[in-house]
Amino acid sequence: WGCGTFIWASDWKSGD
């Protein structure tokens, strides 16, 4: 989720 937002590192790495 977040489509790889730079704000959340874990989200950015996964791209979910």
PDB file of N, CA and C in Angstrom:
ATOM      1  N   TRP A   1       0.853  -1.203   0.000  1.00  0.00           N
ATOM      2  CA  TRP A   1       0.000   0.000   0.000  1.00  0.00           C
ATOM      3  C   TRP A   1       0.888   1.252   0.000  1.00  0.00           C
ATOM      4  N   GLY A   2       0.349   2.435  -0.553  1.00  0.00           N
ATOM      5  CA  GLY A   2       1.134   3.661  -0.637  1.00  0.00           C
ATOM      6  C   GLY A   2       1.881   3.753  -1.957  1.00  0.00           C
ATOM      7  N   CYS A   3       1.854   2.657  -2.725  1.00  0.00           N
ATOM      8  CA  CYS A   3       2.504   2.647  -4.041  1.00  0.00           C
ATOM      9  C   CYS A   3       3.965   3.070  -3.948  1.00  0.00           C
ATOM     10  N   GLY A   4       4.631   2.670  -2.856  1.00  0.00           N
ATOM     11  CA  GLY A   4       6.053   2.971  -2.719  1.00  0.00           C
ATOM     12  C   GLY A   4       6.326   4.394  -2.291  1.00  0.00           C
ATOM     13  N   THR A   5       5.542   4.924  -1.355  1.00  0.00           N
ATOM     14  CA  THR A   5       5.761   6.284  -0.875  1.00  0.00           C
ATOM     15  C   THR A   5       7.084   6.368  -0.122  1.00  0.00           C
ATOM     16  N   PHE A   6       7.808   7.461  -0.304  1.00  0.00           N
ATOM     17  CA  PHE A   6       9.125   7.607   0.308  1.00  0.00           C
ATOM     18  C   PHE A   6       9.039   7.835   1.815  1.00  0.00           C
ATOM     19  N   ILE A   7       7.840   8.194   2.298  1.00  0.00           N
ATOM     20  CA  ILE A   7       7.672   8.505   3.719  1.00  0.00           C
ATOM     21  C   ILE A   7       7.854   7.254   4.584  1.00  0.00           C
ATOM     22  N   TRP A   8       7.243   6.166   4.174  1.00  0.00           N
ATOM     23  CA  TRP A   8       7.348   4.937   4.954  1.00  0.00           C
ATOM     24  C   TRP A   8       8.367   4.007   4.294  1.00  0.00           C
ATOM     25  N   ALA A   9       9.505   3.833   4.934  1.00  0.00           N
ATOM     26  CA  ALA A   9      10.609   3.049   4.383  1.00  0.00           C
ATOM     27  C   ALA A   9      10.177   1.622   4.059  1.00  0.00           C
ATOM     28  N   SER A  10       9.474   0.973   4.977  1.00  0.00           N
ATOM     29  CA  SER A  10       9.052  -0.406   4.769  1.00  0.00           C
ATOM     30  C   SER A  10       8.112  -0.505   3.579  1.00  0.00           C
ATOM     31  N   ASP A  11       7.238   0.462   3.429  1.00  0.00           N
ATOM     32  CA  ASP A  11       6.285   0.497   2.319  1.00  0.00           C
ATOM     33  C   ASP A  11       7.030   0.756   1.009  1.00  0.00           C
ATOM     34  N   TRP A  12       8.022   1.637   1.065  1.00  0.00           N
ATOM     35  CA  TRP A  12       8.782   2.005  -0.125  1.00  0.00           C
ATOM     36  C   TRP A  12       9.574   0.818  -0.659  1.00  0.00           C
ATOM     37  N   LYS A  13      10.140   0.021   0.266  1.00  0.00           N
ATOM     38  CA  LYS A  13      10.929  -1.130  -0.149  1.00  0.00           C
ATOM     39  C   LYS A  13      10.050  -2.175  -0.816  1.00  0.00           C
ATOM     40  N   SER A  14       8.876  -2.440  -0.208  1.00  0.00           N
ATOM     41  CA  SER A  14       7.985  -3.463  -0.742  1.00  0.00           C
ATOM     42  C   SER A  14       7.218  -2.956  -1.957  1.00  0.00           C
ATOM     43  N   GLY A  15       6.885  -1.669  -1.952  1.00  0.00           N
ATOM     44  CA  GLY A  15       6.125  -1.102  -3.055  1.00  0.00           C
ATOM     45  C   GLY A  15       4.660  -1.471  -2.983  1.00  0.00           C
ATOM     46  N   ASP A  16       4.139  -1.971  -1.752  1.00  0.00           N
ATOM     47  CA  ASP A  16       2.737  -2.325  -1.544  1.00  0.00           C
ATOM     48  C   ASP A  16       1.961  -1.087  -1.052  1.00  0.00           C
TER      49      ASP A  16
END
